[in-house]
């Protein structure tokens, strides 16, 4: 857990954390308590690197291999009438 918090920081991850904190603070000041939950979700995504903030669904399971994509794009398709 400590490794996920301290390593692999990206701009996207930092933005999720900062915007989540801003949403939390603004929600507390305006006493909109649902907003605190909403902001906590975004802040935790940035802090713990999960979901969209990880960039590729943490672990690479959602990453698209560009070599496979380019191989598939260049295949000739023959249609028979």
PDB file of N, CA and C in Angstrom:
ATOM      1  N   UNK A   1       0.833  -1.187   0.000  1.00  0.00           N
ATOM      2  CA  UNK A   1       0.000   0.000   0.000  1.00  0.00           C
ATOM      3  C   UNK A   1       0.876   1.247   0.000  1.00  0.00           C
ATOM      4  N   UNK A   2       1.927   1.212   0.799  1.00  0.00           N
ATOM      5  CA  UNK A   2       2.828   2.362   0.885  1.00  0.00           C
ATOM      6  C   UNK A   2       3.451   2.655  -0.477  1.00  0.00           C
ATOM      7  N   UNK A   3       3.777   1.596  -1.233  1.00  0.00           N
ATOM      8  CA  UNK A   3       4.383   1.769  -2.549  1.00  0.00           C
ATOM      9  C   UNK A   3       3.412   2.437  -3.522  1.00  0.00           C
ATOM     10  N   UNK A   4       2.128   2.054  -3.463  1.00  0.00           N
ATOM     11  CA  UNK A   4       1.132   2.658  -4.361  1.00  0.00           C
ATOM     12  C   UNK A   4       0.924   4.139  -4.058  1.00  0.00           C
ATOM     13  N   UNK A   5       1.081   4.528  -2.802  1.00  0.00           N
ATOM     14  CA  UNK A   5       0.887   5.926  -2.439  1.00  0.00           C
ATOM     15  C   UNK A   5       2.092   6.767  -2.833  1.00  0.00           C
ATOM     16  N   UNK A   6       3.290   6.229  -2.669  1.00  0.00           N
ATOM     17  CA  UNK A   6       4.498   7.027  -2.849  1.00  0.00           C
ATOM     18  C   UNK A   6       5.079   7.008  -4.261  1.00  0.00           C
ATOM     19  N   UNK A   7       4.737   6.030  -5.099  1.00  0.00           N
ATOM     20  CA  UNK A   7       5.369   5.906  -6.415  1.00  0.00           C
ATOM     21  C   UNK A   7       4.373   6.088  -7.548  1.00  0.00           C
ATOM     22  N   UNK A   8       4.928   6.303  -8.751  1.00  0.00           N
ATOM     23  CA  UNK A   8       4.170   6.417 -10.002  1.00  0.00           C
ATOM     24  C   UNK A   8       3.199   7.588 -10.022  1.00  0.00           C
ATOM     25  N   UNK A   9       3.623   8.733  -9.541  1.00  0.00           N
ATOM     26  CA  UNK A   9       2.769   9.919  -9.574  1.00  0.00           C
ATOM     27  C   UNK A   9       2.791  10.518 -10.974  1.00  0.00           C
ATOM     28  N   UNK A  10       1.607  10.835 -11.488  1.00  0.00           N
ATOM     29  CA  UNK A  10       1.464  11.487 -12.785  1.00  0.00           C
ATOM     30  C   UNK A  10       0.679  12.780 -12.582  1.00  0.00           C
ATOM     31  N   UNK A  11       0.627  13.576 -13.635  1.00  0.00           N
ATOM     32  CA  UNK A  11      -0.136  14.822 -13.565  1.00  0.00           C
ATOM     33  C   UNK A  11      -1.618  14.534 -13.329  1.00  0.00           C
ATOM     34  N   UNK A  12      -2.143  13.528 -13.989  1.00  0.00           N
ATOM     35  CA  UNK A  12      -3.558  13.168 -13.816  1.00  0.00           C
ATOM     36  C   UNK A  12      -3.859  12.779 -12.375  1.00  0.00           C
ATOM     37  N   UNK A  13      -2.978  11.977 -11.811  1.00  0.00           N
ATOM     38  CA  UNK A  13      -3.174  11.529 -10.432  1.00  0.00           C
ATOM     39  C   UNK A  13      -3.127  12.697  -9.459  1.00  0.00           C
ATOM     40  N   UNK A  14      -2.186  13.615  -9.672  1.00  0.00           N
ATOM     41  CA  UNK A  14      -2.083  14.793  -8.814  1.00  0.00           C
ATOM     42  C   UNK A  14      -3.320  15.681  -8.955  1.00  0.00           C
ATOM     43  N   UNK A  15      -3.827  15.820 -10.177  1.00  0.00           N
ATOM     44  CA  UNK A  15      -5.036  16.626 -10.388  1.00  0.00           C
ATOM     45  C   UNK A  15      -6.244  16.018  -9.687  1.00  0.00           C
ATOM     46  N   UNK A  16      -6.389  14.709  -9.744  1.00  0.00           N
ATOM     47  CA  UNK A  16      -7.491  14.054  -9.032  1.00  0.00           C
ATOM     48  C   UNK A  16      -7.409  14.342  -7.535  1.00  0.00           C
ATOM     49  N   UNK A  17      -6.205  14.243  -6.967  1.00  0.00           N
ATOM     50  CA  UNK A  17      -6.039  14.489  -5.536  1.00  0.00           C
ATOM     51  C   UNK A  17      -6.349  15.942  -5.189  1.00  0.00           C
ATOM     52  N   UNK A  18      -5.781  16.887  -5.934  1.00  0.00           N
ATOM     53  CA  UNK A  18      -5.976  18.311  -5.637  1.00  0.00           C
ATOM     54  C   UNK A  18      -7.437  18.712  -5.821  1.00  0.00           C
ATOM     55  N   UNK A  19      -8.048  18.299  -6.920  1.00  0.00           N
ATOM     56  CA  UNK A  19      -9.450  18.664  -7.148  1.00  0.00           C
ATOM     57  C   UNK A  19     -10.374  18.001  -6.137  1.00  0.00           C
ATOM     58  N   UNK A  20     -10.057  16.780  -5.726  1.00  0.00           N
ATOM     59  CA  UNK A  20     -10.844  16.120  -4.685  1.00  0.00           C
ATOM     60  C   UNK A  20     -10.791  16.892  -3.382  1.00  0.00           C
ATOM     61  N   UNK A  21      -9.601  17.361  -3.015  1.00  0.00           N
ATOM     62  CA  UNK A  21      -9.456  18.152  -1.784  1.00  0.00           C
ATOM     63  C   UNK A  21     -10.198  19.474  -1.894  1.00  0.00           C
ATOM     64  N   UNK A  22     -10.133  20.106  -3.062  1.00  0.00           N
ATOM     65  CA  UNK A  22     -10.860  21.363  -3.270  1.00  0.00           C
ATOM     66  C   UNK A  22     -12.366  21.143  -3.133  1.00  0.00           C
ATOM     67  N   UNK A  23     -12.870  20.050  -3.703  1.00  0.00           N
ATOM     68  CA  UNK A  23     -14.299  19.740  -3.601  1.00  0.00           C
ATOM     69  C   UNK A  23     -14.692  19.505  -2.144  1.00  0.00           C
ATOM     70  N   UNK A  24     -13.851  18.796  -1.394  1.00  0.00           N
ATOM     71  CA  UNK A  24     -14.133  18.535   0.025  1.00  0.00           C
ATOM     72  C   UNK A  24     -14.200  19.833   0.815  1.00  0.00           C
ATOM     73  N   UNK A  25     -13.206  20.694   0.642  1.00  0.00           N
ATOM     74  CA  UNK A  25     -13.156  21.962   1.392  1.00  0.00           C
ATOM     75  C   UNK A  25     -14.348  22.841   1.041  1.00  0.00           C
ATOM     76  N   UNK A  26     -14.636  22.967  -0.255  1.00  0.00           N
ATOM     77  CA  UNK A  26     -15.755  23.804  -0.677  1.00  0.00           C
ATOM     78  C   UNK A  26     -17.088  23.252  -0.159  1.00  0.00           C
ATOM     79  N   UNK A  27     -17.222  21.936  -0.150  1.00  0.00           N
ATOM     80  CA  UNK A  27     -18.462  21.318   0.339  1.00  0.00           C
ATOM     81  C   UNK A  27     -18.645  21.539   1.837  1.00  0.00           C
ATOM     82  N   UNK A  28     -17.561  21.466   2.594  1.00  0.00           N
ATOM     83  CA  UNK A  28     -17.645  21.708   4.035  1.00  0.00           C
ATOM     84  C   UNK A  28     -18.017  23.157   4.307  1.00  0.00           C
ATOM     85  N   UNK A  29     -17.402  24.074   3.556  1.00  0.00           N
ATOM     86  CA  UNK A  29     -17.697  25.501   3.771  1.00  0.00           C
ATOM     87  C   UNK A  29     -19.146  25.842   3.443  1.00  0.00           C
ATOM     88  N   UNK A  30     -19.720  25.192   2.447  1.00  0.00           N
ATOM     89  CA  UNK A  30     -21.103  25.476   2.080  1.00  0.00           C
ATOM     90  C   UNK A  30     -22.093  24.481   2.701  1.00  0.00           C
ATOM     91  N   UNK A  31     -21.598  23.593   3.564  1.00  0.00           N
ATOM     92  CA  UNK A  31     -22.396  22.607   4.289  1.00  0.00           C
ATOM     93  C   UNK A  31     -23.206  21.708   3.353  1.00  0.00           C
ATOM     94  N   UNK A  32     -22.579  21.311   2.265  1.00  0.00           N
ATOM     95  CA  UNK A  32     -23.175  20.355   1.332  1.00  0.00           C
ATOM     96  C   UNK A  32     -22.486  19.016   1.560  1.00  0.00           C
ATOM     97  N   UNK A  33     -23.025  18.195   2.430  1.00  0.00           N
ATOM     98  CA  UNK A  33     -22.331  17.014   2.917  1.00  0.00           C
ATOM     99  C   UNK A  33     -22.195  15.912   1.867  1.00  0.00           C
ATOM    100  N   UNK A  34     -23.079  15.866   0.904  1.00  0.00           N
ATOM    101  CA  UNK A  34     -22.929  14.897  -0.179  1.00  0.00           C
ATOM    102  C   UNK A  34     -21.667  15.194  -0.987  1.00  0.00           C
ATOM    103  N   UNK A  35     -21.337  16.457  -1.110  1.00  0.00           N
ATOM    104  CA  UNK A  35     -20.134  16.863  -1.834  1.00  0.00           C
ATOM    105  C   UNK A  35     -18.861  16.364  -1.177  1.00  0.00           C
ATOM    106  N   UNK A  36     -18.887  16.188   0.149  1.00  0.00           N
ATOM    107  CA  UNK A  36     -17.721  15.659   0.860  1.00  0.00           C
ATOM    108  C   UNK A  36     -17.466  14.216   0.413  1.00  0.00           C
ATOM    109  N   UNK A  37     -18.525  13.435   0.264  1.00  0.00           N
ATOM    110  CA  UNK A  37     -18.374  12.060  -0.222  1.00  0.00           C
ATOM    111  C   UNK A  37     -17.857  12.039  -1.657  1.00  0.00           C
ATOM    112  N   UNK A  38     -18.398  12.901  -2.471  1.00  0.00           N
ATOM    113  CA  UNK A  38     -17.989  13.022  -3.870  1.00  0.00           C
ATOM    114  C   UNK A  38     -16.512  13.401  -3.972  1.00  0.00           C
ATOM    115  N   UNK A  39     -16.095  14.401  -3.213  1.00  0.00           N
ATOM    116  CA  UNK A  39     -14.699  14.830  -3.203  1.00  0.00           C
ATOM    117  C   UNK A  39     -13.776  13.773  -2.622  1.00  0.00           C
ATOM    118  N   UNK A  40     -14.243  13.052  -1.622  1.00  0.00           N
ATOM    119  CA  UNK A  40     -13.431  11.985  -1.023  1.00  0.00           C
ATOM    120  C   UNK A  40     -13.148  10.875  -2.020  1.00  0.00           C
ATOM    121  N   UNK A  41     -14.128  10.580  -2.850  1.00  0.00           N
ATOM    122  CA  UNK A  41     -13.923   9.558  -3.879  1.00  0.00           C
ATOM    123  C   UNK A  41     -12.810   9.977  -4.829  1.00  0.00           C
ATOM    124  N   UNK A  42     -12.855  11.214  -5.321  1.00  0.00           N
ATOM    125  CA  UNK A  42     -11.828  11.690  -6.247  1.00  0.00           C
ATOM    126  C   UNK A  42     -10.468  11.815  -5.577  1.00  0.00           C
ATOM    127  N   UNK A  43     -10.436  12.294  -4.361  1.00  0.00           N
ATOM    128  CA  UNK A  43      -9.167  12.416  -3.645  1.00  0.00           C
ATOM    129  C   UNK A  43      -8.554  11.042  -3.393  1.00  0.00           C
ATOM    130  N   UNK A  44      -9.374  10.048  -3.050  1.00  0.00           N
ATOM    131  CA  UNK A  44      -8.833   8.708  -2.808  1.00  0.00           C
ATOM    132  C   UNK A  44      -8.359   8.067  -4.106  1.00  0.00           C
ATOM    133  N   UNK A  45      -9.007   8.364  -5.235  1.00  0.00           N
ATOM    134  CA  UNK A  45      -8.522   7.865  -6.514  1.00  0.00           C
ATOM    135  C   UNK A  45      -7.120   8.392  -6.797  1.00  0.00           C
ATOM    136  N   UNK A  46      -6.894   9.654  -6.516  1.00  0.00           N
ATOM    137  CA  UNK A  46      -5.574  10.225  -6.726  1.00  0.00           C
ATOM    138  C   UNK A  46      -4.553   9.711  -5.734  1.00  0.00           C
ATOM    139  N   UNK A  47      -4.937   9.589  -4.485  1.00  0.00           N
ATOM    140  CA  UNK A  47      -4.002   9.183  -3.440  1.00  0.00           C
ATOM    141  C   UNK A  47      -3.596   7.720  -3.574  1.00  0.00           C
ATOM    142  N   UNK A  48      -4.563   6.839  -3.823  1.00  0.00           N
ATOM    143  CA  UNK A  48      -4.283   5.409  -3.846  1.00  0.00           C
ATOM    144  C   UNK A  48      -4.107   4.827  -5.245  1.00  0.00           C
ATOM    145  N   UNK A  49      -4.166   5.659  -6.269  1.00  0.00           N
ATOM    146  CA  UNK A  49      -3.915   5.260  -7.652  1.00  0.00           C
ATOM    147  C   UNK A  49      -4.812   4.114  -8.105  1.00  0.00           C
ATOM    148  N   UNK A  50      -6.106   4.343  -8.096  1.00  0.00           N
ATOM    149  CA  UNK A  50      -7.031   3.360  -8.657  1.00  0.00           C
ATOM    150  C   UNK A  50      -7.989   4.058  -9.591  1.00  0.00           C
ATOM    151  N   UNK A  51      -8.668   3.303 -10.421  1.00  0.00           N
ATOM    152  CA  UNK A  51      -9.613   3.873 -11.370  1.00  0.00           C
ATOM    153  C   UNK A  51      -8.923   4.682 -12.448  1.00  0.00           C
ATOM    154  N   UNK A  52      -9.552   5.739 -12.865  1.00  0.00           N
ATOM    155  CA  UNK A  52      -9.022   6.576 -13.938  1.00  0.00           C
ATOM    156  C   UNK A  52      -7.723   7.269 -13.560  1.00  0.00           C
ATOM    157  N   UNK A  53      -7.508   7.542 -12.299  1.00  0.00           N
ATOM    158  CA  UNK A  53      -6.308   8.248 -11.874  1.00  0.00           C
ATOM    159  C   UNK A  53      -5.058   7.417 -12.058  1.00  0.00           C
ATOM    160  N   UNK A  54      -5.182   6.103 -12.177  1.00  0.00           N
ATOM    161  CA  UNK A  54      -4.024   5.243 -12.366  1.00  0.00           C
ATOM    162  C   UNK A  54      -3.527   5.285 -13.801  1.00  0.00           C
ATOM    163  N   UNK A  55      -4.340   5.784 -14.706  1.00  0.00           N
ATOM    164  CA  UNK A  55      -3.929   5.887 -16.089  1.00  0.00           C
ATOM    165  C   UNK A  55      -4.287   4.683 -16.932  1.00  0.00           C
ATOM    166  N   UNK A  56      -4.203   3.496 -16.376  1.00  0.00           N
ATOM    167  CA  UNK A  56      -4.559   2.304 -17.146  1.00  0.00           C
ATOM    168  C   UNK A  56      -5.129   1.222 -16.241  1.00  0.00           C
ATOM    169  N   UNK A  57      -6.007   1.565 -15.386  1.00  0.00           N
ATOM    170  CA  UNK A  57      -6.725   0.636 -14.517  1.00  0.00           C
ATOM    171  C   UNK A  57      -5.791  -0.190 -13.637  1.00  0.00           C
ATOM    172  N   UNK A  58      -4.784   0.380 -13.096  1.00  0.00           N
ATOM    173  CA  UNK A  58      -3.761  -0.205 -12.223  1.00  0.00           C
ATOM    174  C   UNK A  58      -3.471  -1.669 -12.522  1.00  0.00           C
ATOM    175  N   UNK A  59      -2.348  -1.905 -13.072  1.00  0.00           N
ATOM    176  CA  UNK A  59      -1.918  -3.255 -13.388  1.00  0.00           C
ATOM    177  C   UNK A  59      -1.857  -3.515 -14.882  1.00  0.00           C
ATOM    178  N   UNK A  60      -2.308  -2.575 -15.680  1.00  0.00           N
ATOM    179  CA  UNK A  60      -2.217  -2.705 -17.127  1.00  0.00           C
ATOM    180  C   UNK A  60      -3.295  -3.529 -17.778  1.00  0.00           C
ATOM    181  N   UNK A  61      -4.318  -3.936 -17.069  1.00  0.00           N
ATOM    182  CA  UNK A  61      -5.340  -4.788 -17.660  1.00  0.00           C
ATOM    183  C   UNK A  61      -6.178  -4.051 -18.703  1.00  0.00           C
ATOM    184  N   UNK A  62      -6.215  -2.733 -18.654  1.00  0.00           N
ATOM    185  CA  UNK A  62      -7.001  -1.975 -19.623  1.00  0.00           C
ATOM    186  C   UNK A  62      -6.137  -1.316 -20.691  1.00  0.00           C
ATOM    187  N   UNK A  63      -4.829  -1.461 -20.598  1.00  0.00           N
ATOM    188  CA  UNK A  63      -3.939  -0.831 -21.569  1.00  0.00           C
ATOM    189  C   UNK A  63      -4.060  -1.532 -22.918  1.00  0.00           C
ATOM    190  N   UNK A  64      -4.009  -0.754 -23.989  1.00  0.00           N
ATOM    191  CA  UNK A  64      -4.097  -1.292 -25.333  1.00  0.00           C
ATOM    192  C   UNK A  64      -2.684  -1.385 -25.892  1.00  0.00           C
ATOM    193  N   UNK A  65      -2.315  -2.553 -26.377  1.00  0.00           N
ATOM    194  CA  UNK A  65      -1.004  -2.748 -26.975  1.00  0.00           C
ATOM    195  C   UNK A  65      -1.016  -2.128 -28.365  1.00  0.00           C
ATOM    196  N   UNK A  66      -0.191  -1.122 -28.587  1.00  0.00           N
ATOM    197  CA  UNK A  66      -0.210  -0.396 -29.856  1.00  0.00           C
ATOM    198  C   UNK A  66       0.273  -1.260 -31.016  1.00  0.00           C
ATOM    199  N   UNK A  67       1.155  -2.232 -30.775  1.00  0.00           N
ATOM    200  CA  UNK A  67       1.610  -3.102 -31.847  1.00  0.00           C
ATOM    201  C   UNK A  67       0.480  -3.982 -32.364  1.00  0.00           C
ATOM    202  N   UNK A  68      -0.308  -4.539 -31.464  1.00  0.00           N
ATOM    203  CA  UNK A  68      -1.436  -5.367 -31.882  1.00  0.00           C
ATOM    204  C   UNK A  68      -2.462  -4.531 -32.632  1.00  0.00           C
ATOM    205  N   UNK A  69      -2.711  -3.328 -32.149  1.00  0.00           N
ATOM    206  CA  UNK A  69      -3.693  -2.461 -32.803  1.00  0.00           C
ATOM    207  C   UNK A  69      -3.242  -2.112 -34.208  1.00  0.00           C
ATOM    208  N   UNK A  70      -1.947  -1.830 -34.414  1.00  0.00           N
ATOM    209  CA  UNK A  70      -1.466  -1.472 -35.744  1.00  0.00           C
ATOM    210  C   UNK A  70      -1.436  -2.685 -36.660  1.00  0.00           C
ATOM    211  N   UNK A  71      -1.166  -3.894 -36.127  1.00  0.00           N
ATOM    212  CA  UNK A  71      -1.199  -5.105 -36.942  1.00  0.00           C
ATOM    213  C   UNK A  71      -2.604  -5.366 -37.454  1.00  0.00           C
ATOM    214  N   UNK A  72      -3.588  -5.200 -36.581  1.00  0.00           N
ATOM    215  CA  UNK A  72      -4.978  -5.436 -36.970  1.00  0.00           C
ATOM    216  C   UNK A  72      -5.471  -4.397 -37.966  1.00  0.00           C
ATOM    217  N   UNK A  73      -4.957  -3.198 -37.897  1.00  0.00           N
ATOM    218  CA  UNK A  73      -5.414  -2.132 -38.774  1.00  0.00           C
ATOM    219  C   UNK A  73      -4.918  -2.337 -40.198  1.00  0.00           C
ATOM    220  N   UNK A  74      -3.789  -3.024 -40.374  1.00  0.00           N
ATOM    221  CA  UNK A  74      -3.186  -3.176 -41.688  1.00  0.00           C
ATOM    222  C   UNK A  74      -3.576  -4.463 -42.408  1.00  0.00           C
ATOM    223  N   UNK A  75      -4.424  -5.277 -41.836  1.00  0.00           N
ATOM    224  CA  UNK A  75      -4.847  -6.516 -42.486  1.00  0.00           C
ATOM    225  C   UNK A  75      -5.802  -6.208 -43.636  1.00  0.00           C
ATOM    226  N   UNK A  76      -5.612  -6.938 -44.720  1.00  0.00           N
ATOM    227  CA  UNK A  76      -6.527  -6.808 -45.854  1.00  0.00           C
ATOM    228  C   UNK A  76      -7.718  -7.723 -45.633  1.00  0.00           C
ATOM    229  N   UNK A  77      -8.875  -7.204 -45.896  1.00  0.00           N
ATOM    230  CA  UNK A  77     -10.084  -7.970 -45.715  1.00  0.00           C
ATOM    231  C   UNK A  77     -10.676  -8.227 -47.099  1.00  0.00           C
ATOM    232  N   UNK A  78     -10.869  -9.482 -47.421  1.00  0.00           N
ATOM    233  CA  UNK A  78     -11.448  -9.851 -48.707  1.00  0.00           C
ATOM    234  C   UNK A  78     -12.899 -10.266 -48.508  1.00  0.00           C
ATOM    235  N   UNK A  79     -13.788  -9.644 -49.265  1.00  0.00           N
ATOM    236  CA  UNK A  79     -15.198  -9.964 -49.188  1.00  0.00           C
ATOM    237  C   UNK A  79     -15.600 -10.737 -50.433  1.00  0.00           C
ATOM    238  N   UNK A  80     -16.401 -11.764 -50.265  1.00  0.00           N
ATOM    239  CA  UNK A  80     -16.914 -12.536 -51.391  1.00  0.00           C
ATOM    240  C   UNK A  80     -18.380 -12.193 -51.582  1.00  0.00           C
ATOM    241  N   UNK A  81     -18.737 -12.010 -52.847  1.00  0.00           N
ATOM    242  CA  UNK A  81     -20.131 -11.701 -53.162  1.00  0.00           C
ATOM    243  C   UNK A  81     -20.934 -12.942 -53.365  1.00  0.00           C
TER     244      UNK A  81
END
